[in-house]
Amino acid sequence: MDLKLYYQKIREIQAKIGEPHAVVVSNETQDGGKAGQKTEVSAALAAKMIVEGTAQLANADDARAFRQAMAETKRAADEADAATKMQVTLVPTADLSRLRGAARPGKEPV
């Protein structure tokens, strides 16, 4: 293998990607890699995977759909995380008494 040519191809493909991160679709490999798995990786890693034949660049529609799905998954996870948190506020006794008095109509706070 000519290393100079290998790294030249990686640099060329990375320049063609043109964005810091790219969505790639995996190819089936002899060591057990599954075909069709989408993932977002750095442009440098995407170029390396393409040159090695383990992945191909996803088309614009697939990349957009993948990123939207990941954003929705993150939003759902953030909502689930927020639902498990409990907020506690400490209120001094004097303030609590004043708030209770203000909540009762017709009574003046003490």
N, C-alpha and C. Protein backbone atom coordinates (compact mmCIF):
# COMPACT_ATOMS: atom_id res chain seq x y z
N MET A 1 0.84 -1.18 0.00
CA MET A 1 0.00 0.00 0.00
C MET A 1 0.89 1.24 0.00
N ASP A 2 0.59 2.16 -0.87
CA ASP A 2 1.33 3.41 -0.96
C ASP A 2 0.71 4.40 0.02
N LEU A 3 1.42 4.68 1.11
CA LEU A 3 0.88 5.55 2.15
C LEU A 3 0.67 6.99 1.67
N LYS A 4 1.53 7.42 0.79
CA LYS A 4 1.41 8.78 0.27
C LYS A 4 0.08 8.93 -0.49
N LEU A 5 -0.24 7.96 -1.31
CA LEU A 5 -1.49 7.96 -2.07
C LEU A 5 -2.70 7.83 -1.13
N TYR A 6 -2.57 6.97 -0.12
CA TYR A 6 -3.63 6.75 0.85
C TYR A 6 -4.01 8.06 1.55
N TYR A 7 -3.03 8.75 2.10
CA TYR A 7 -3.31 10.00 2.80
C TYR A 7 -3.74 11.12 1.85
N GLN A 8 -3.27 11.08 0.63
CA GLN A 8 -3.70 12.06 -0.36
C GLN A 8 -5.19 11.89 -0.66
N LYS A 9 -5.64 10.64 -0.79
CA LYS A 9 -7.06 10.38 -1.02
C LYS A 9 -7.90 10.85 0.16
N ILE A 10 -7.41 10.61 1.38
CA ILE A 10 -8.13 11.04 2.58
C ILE A 10 -8.28 12.56 2.57
N ARG A 11 -7.21 13.28 2.28
CA ARG A 11 -7.26 14.75 2.25
C ARG A 11 -8.22 15.25 1.16
N GLU A 12 -8.22 14.60 0.00
CA GLU A 12 -9.10 15.01 -1.09
C GLU A 12 -10.57 14.83 -0.71
N ILE A 13 -10.89 13.68 -0.14
CA ILE A 13 -12.28 13.41 0.25
C ILE A 13 -12.70 14.34 1.38
N GLN A 14 -11.81 14.58 2.33
CA GLN A 14 -12.13 15.48 3.43
C GLN A 14 -12.42 16.89 2.91
N ALA A 15 -11.67 17.33 1.92
CA ALA A 15 -11.91 18.65 1.32
C ALA A 15 -13.25 18.69 0.61
N LYS A 16 -13.65 17.59 -0.02
CA LYS A 16 -14.93 17.54 -0.72
C LYS A 16 -16.11 17.55 0.25
N ILE A 17 -15.93 17.02 1.45
CA ILE A 17 -17.02 16.97 2.43
C ILE A 17 -17.41 18.39 2.80
N GLY A 18 -16.45 19.24 3.08
CA GLY A 18 -16.71 20.66 3.26
C GLY A 18 -17.40 21.10 4.54
N GLU A 19 -17.72 20.22 5.44
CA GLU A 19 -18.31 20.59 6.72
C GLU A 19 -17.57 19.85 7.83
N PRO A 20 -17.62 20.35 9.06
CA PRO A 20 -16.83 19.72 10.12
C PRO A 20 -17.26 18.30 10.48
N HIS A 21 -18.55 18.00 10.29
CA HIS A 21 -19.07 16.65 10.59
C HIS A 21 -19.90 16.16 9.41
N ALA A 22 -19.87 14.86 9.21
CA ALA A 22 -20.59 14.27 8.09
C ALA A 22 -21.34 13.03 8.57
N VAL A 23 -22.44 12.74 7.93
CA VAL A 23 -23.20 11.51 8.22
C VAL A 23 -22.75 10.47 7.21
N VAL A 24 -22.32 9.31 7.72
CA VAL A 24 -21.89 8.22 6.85
C VAL A 24 -22.80 7.02 7.06
N VAL A 25 -22.87 6.19 6.03
CA VAL A 25 -23.65 4.95 6.07
C VAL A 25 -22.65 3.82 5.96
N SER A 26 -22.70 2.89 6.90
CA SER A 26 -21.72 1.81 6.93
C SER A 26 -21.95 0.81 5.79
N ASN A 27 -20.86 0.19 5.39
CA ASN A 27 -20.90 -0.92 4.43
C ASN A 27 -20.68 -2.21 5.19
N GLU A 28 -21.13 -3.31 4.63
CA GLU A 28 -20.88 -4.60 5.26
C GLU A 28 -19.40 -4.93 5.13
N THR A 29 -18.81 -5.39 6.22
CA THR A 29 -17.39 -5.74 6.19
C THR A 29 -17.21 -7.19 6.59
N GLN A 30 -16.04 -7.73 6.28
CA GLN A 30 -15.76 -9.14 6.57
C GLN A 30 -15.60 -9.40 8.07
N ASP A 31 -15.29 -8.35 8.82
CA ASP A 31 -15.11 -8.55 10.26
C ASP A 31 -16.39 -8.30 11.06
N GLY A 32 -17.53 -8.31 10.39
CA GLY A 32 -18.82 -8.25 11.09
C GLY A 32 -19.53 -6.92 11.03
N GLY A 33 -19.01 -5.96 10.30
CA GLY A 33 -19.68 -4.67 10.18
C GLY A 33 -21.01 -4.79 9.46
N LYS A 34 -22.03 -4.12 9.98
CA LYS A 34 -23.37 -4.19 9.40
C LYS A 34 -23.55 -3.08 8.38
N ALA A 35 -24.20 -3.39 7.30
CA ALA A 35 -24.47 -2.40 6.26
C ALA A 35 -25.68 -1.56 6.65
N GLY A 36 -25.65 -0.27 6.28
CA GLY A 36 -26.80 0.60 6.45
C GLY A 36 -26.90 1.34 7.76
N GLN A 37 -25.92 1.19 8.64
CA GLN A 37 -25.94 1.91 9.91
C GLN A 37 -25.46 3.33 9.69
N LYS A 38 -26.27 4.31 10.09
CA LYS A 38 -25.90 5.71 9.91
C LYS A 38 -25.30 6.24 11.20
N THR A 39 -24.30 7.10 11.05
CA THR A 39 -23.70 7.77 12.19
C THR A 39 -23.06 9.06 11.75
N GLU A 40 -22.92 10.00 12.68
CA GLU A 40 -22.29 11.27 12.37
C GLU A 40 -20.89 11.26 12.96
N VAL A 41 -19.91 11.54 12.12
CA VAL A 41 -18.50 11.52 12.53
C VAL A 41 -17.82 12.78 12.00
N SER A 42 -16.59 13.00 12.47
CA SER A 42 -15.82 14.14 11.97
C SER A 42 -15.51 13.92 10.49
N ALA A 43 -15.24 15.01 9.79
CA ALA A 43 -14.93 14.92 8.36
C ALA A 43 -13.68 14.08 8.13
N ALA A 44 -12.70 14.20 9.00
CA ALA A 44 -11.46 13.43 8.85
C ALA A 44 -11.74 11.93 8.97
N LEU A 45 -12.53 11.55 9.97
CA LEU A 45 -12.84 10.13 10.14
C LEU A 45 -13.73 9.62 9.01
N ALA A 46 -14.66 10.45 8.55
CA ALA A 46 -15.52 10.05 7.43
C ALA A 46 -14.67 9.79 6.19
N ALA A 47 -13.72 10.67 5.92
CA ALA A 47 -12.85 10.49 4.76
C ALA A 47 -12.05 9.20 4.88
N LYS A 48 -11.53 8.92 6.07
CA LYS A 48 -10.76 7.69 6.29
C LYS A 48 -11.63 6.46 6.07
N MET A 49 -12.85 6.49 6.59
CA MET A 49 -13.76 5.34 6.43
C MET A 49 -14.13 5.13 4.97
N ILE A 50 -14.30 6.22 4.23
CA ILE A 50 -14.65 6.10 2.81
C ILE A 50 -13.49 5.52 2.03
N VAL A 51 -12.26 5.98 2.30
CA VAL A 51 -11.08 5.47 1.60
C VAL A 51 -10.88 3.99 1.91
N GLU A 52 -11.12 3.59 3.16
CA GLU A 52 -10.94 2.19 3.55
C GLU A 52 -12.10 1.31 3.10
N GLY A 53 -13.19 1.91 2.63
CA GLY A 53 -14.32 1.13 2.13
C GLY A 53 -15.28 0.64 3.20
N THR A 54 -15.15 1.14 4.42
CA THR A 54 -16.05 0.68 5.48
C THR A 54 -17.33 1.50 5.54
N ALA A 55 -17.37 2.64 4.84
CA ALA A 55 -18.57 3.48 4.85
C ALA A 55 -18.63 4.31 3.57
N GLN A 56 -19.79 4.89 3.36
CA GLN A 56 -19.97 5.82 2.26
C GLN A 56 -20.70 7.04 2.79
N LEU A 57 -20.54 8.15 2.13
CA LEU A 57 -21.18 9.39 2.56
C LEU A 57 -22.68 9.30 2.31
N ALA A 58 -23.47 9.69 3.31
CA ALA A 58 -24.92 9.68 3.16
C ALA A 58 -25.35 10.83 2.26
N ASN A 59 -26.43 10.62 1.51
CA ASN A 59 -26.91 11.72 0.67
C ASN A 59 -27.56 12.78 1.56
N ALA A 60 -27.83 13.95 1.01
CA ALA A 60 -28.31 15.09 1.79
C ALA A 60 -29.63 14.79 2.50
N ASP A 61 -30.55 14.09 1.85
CA ASP A 61 -31.85 13.78 2.46
C ASP A 61 -31.69 12.83 3.65
N ASP A 62 -30.86 11.79 3.48
CA ASP A 62 -30.62 10.84 4.57
C ASP A 62 -29.94 11.53 5.74
N ALA A 63 -28.98 12.40 5.45
CA ALA A 63 -28.26 13.11 6.52
C ALA A 63 -29.21 14.01 7.28
N ARG A 64 -30.08 14.73 6.57
CA ARG A 64 -31.04 15.62 7.22
C ARG A 64 -32.00 14.83 8.09
N ALA A 65 -32.51 13.72 7.57
CA ALA A 65 -33.43 12.88 8.34
C ALA A 65 -32.75 12.30 9.57
N PHE A 66 -31.49 11.87 9.43
CA PHE A 66 -30.73 11.32 10.56
C PHE A 66 -30.54 12.37 11.64
N ARG A 67 -30.16 13.58 11.25
CA ARG A 67 -29.93 14.65 12.23
C ARG A 67 -31.24 15.06 12.92
N GLN A 68 -32.34 15.07 12.19
CA GLN A 68 -33.64 15.39 12.80
C GLN A 68 -34.03 14.32 13.81
N ALA A 69 -33.80 13.06 13.46
CA ALA A 69 -34.12 11.97 14.37
C ALA A 69 -33.27 12.05 15.63
N MET A 70 -32.00 12.38 15.48
CA MET A 70 -31.12 12.49 16.64
C MET A 70 -31.52 13.69 17.51
N ALA A 71 -31.94 14.79 16.90
CA ALA A 71 -32.39 15.95 17.66
C ALA A 71 -33.65 15.62 18.44
N GLU A 72 -34.57 14.89 17.83
CA GLU A 72 -35.80 14.48 18.50
C GLU A 72 -35.50 13.53 19.66
N THR A 73 -34.57 12.61 19.45
CA THR A 73 -34.18 11.67 20.51
C THR A 73 -33.57 12.43 21.68
N LYS A 74 -32.72 13.41 21.40
CA LYS A 74 -32.11 14.21 22.46
C LYS A 74 -33.16 15.02 23.20
N ARG A 75 -34.10 15.61 22.48
CA ARG A 75 -35.15 16.39 23.13
C ARG A 75 -35.97 15.51 24.07
N ALA A 76 -36.32 14.31 23.62
CA ALA A 76 -37.09 13.39 24.45
C ALA A 76 -36.30 12.98 25.69
N ALA A 77 -35.00 12.74 25.53
CA ALA A 77 -34.16 12.36 26.67
C ALA A 77 -34.04 13.52 27.65
N ASP A 78 -33.92 14.74 27.14
CA ASP A 78 -33.84 15.91 28.02
C ASP A 78 -35.13 16.10 28.80
N GLU A 79 -36.28 15.88 28.15
CA GLU A 79 -37.57 16.00 28.83
C GLU A 79 -37.71 14.92 29.91
N ALA A 80 -37.29 13.70 29.61
CA ALA A 80 -37.36 12.63 30.60
C ALA A 80 -36.45 12.93 31.78
N ASP A 81 -35.28 13.50 31.50
CA ASP A 81 -34.35 13.86 32.56
C ASP A 81 -34.93 14.97 33.42
N ALA A 82 -35.53 15.96 32.80
CA ALA A 82 -36.12 17.07 33.54
C ALA A 82 -37.29 16.60 34.41
N ALA A 83 -38.02 15.60 33.95
CA ALA A 83 -39.17 15.10 34.71
C ALA A 83 -38.74 14.38 35.98
N THR A 84 -37.53 13.87 36.02
CA THR A 84 -37.06 13.15 37.21
C THR A 84 -36.48 14.07 38.26
N LYS A 85 -36.25 15.33 37.92
CA LYS A 85 -35.66 16.27 38.87
C LYS A 85 -36.76 16.92 39.72
N MET A 86 -36.44 17.13 40.98
CA MET A 86 -37.37 17.78 41.89
C MET A 86 -36.77 19.12 42.29
N GLN A 87 -37.56 20.18 42.21
CA GLN A 87 -37.08 21.49 42.61
C GLN A 87 -37.57 21.79 44.02
N VAL A 88 -36.67 22.28 44.84
CA VAL A 88 -37.00 22.61 46.22
C VAL A 88 -36.62 24.06 46.46
N THR A 89 -37.51 24.79 47.11
CA THR A 89 -37.23 26.17 47.47
C THR A 89 -37.36 26.31 48.98
N LEU A 90 -36.34 26.86 49.61
CA LEU A 90 -36.37 27.09 51.05
C LEU A 90 -36.92 28.49 51.29
N VAL A 91 -37.96 28.57 52.13
CA VAL A 91 -38.60 29.84 52.45
C VAL A 91 -38.51 30.05 53.96
N PRO A 92 -38.01 31.21 54.39
CA PRO A 92 -37.98 31.48 55.83
C PRO A 92 -39.39 31.48 56.42
N THR A 93 -39.52 31.15 57.69
CA THR A 93 -40.81 31.03 58.35
C THR A 93 -41.60 32.33 58.29
N ALA A 94 -40.94 33.46 58.45
CA ALA A 94 -41.63 34.75 58.42
C ALA A 94 -42.24 35.00 57.04
N ASP A 95 -41.50 34.69 56.00
CA ASP A 95 -42.03 34.86 54.64
C ASP A 95 -43.18 33.91 54.37
N LEU A 96 -43.09 32.70 54.89
CA LEU A 96 -44.16 31.73 54.71
C LEU A 96 -45.44 32.20 55.38
N SER A 97 -45.32 32.75 56.58
CA SER A 97 -46.50 33.26 57.29
C SER A 97 -47.12 34.41 56.51
N ARG A 98 -46.29 35.29 55.97
CA ARG A 98 -46.80 36.42 55.20
C ARG A 98 -47.50 35.91 53.93
N LEU A 99 -46.93 34.91 53.27
CA LEU A 99 -47.54 34.36 52.06
C LEU A 99 -48.87 33.68 52.36
N ARG A 100 -48.94 32.97 53.47
CA ARG A 100 -50.20 32.31 53.85
C ARG A 100 -51.28 33.33 54.15
N GLY A 101 -50.90 34.41 54.82
CA GLY A 101 -51.86 35.46 55.15
C GLY A 101 -52.36 36.16 53.91
N ALA A 102 -51.49 36.35 52.93
CA ALA A 102 -51.89 37.02 51.69
C ALA A 102 -52.78 36.12 50.84
N ALA A 103 -52.65 34.82 51.02
CA ALA A 103 -53.46 33.89 50.24
C ALA A 103 -54.88 33.80 50.76
N ARG A 104 -55.12 34.19 52.02
CA ARG A 104 -56.47 34.14 52.59
C ARG A 104 -57.15 35.48 52.36
N PRO A 105 -58.21 35.52 51.58
CA PRO A 105 -58.90 36.80 51.36
C PRO A 105 -59.59 37.27 52.62
N GLY A 106 -59.53 38.56 52.86
CA GLY A 106 -60.24 39.14 53.98
C GLY A 106 -59.41 39.20 55.24
N LYS A 107 -58.26 38.58 55.28
CA LYS A 107 -57.41 38.63 56.46
C LYS A 107 -56.17 39.44 56.12
N GLU A 108 -55.75 40.23 57.03
CA GLU A 108 -54.54 41.02 56.86
C GLU A 108 -53.35 40.21 57.37
N PRO A 109 -52.21 40.32 56.67
CA PRO A 109 -51.02 39.63 57.17
C PRO A 109 -50.56 40.22 58.48
N VAL A 110 -50.01 39.41 59.31
CA VAL A 110 -49.57 39.81 60.65
C VAL A 110 -48.16 40.32 60.62
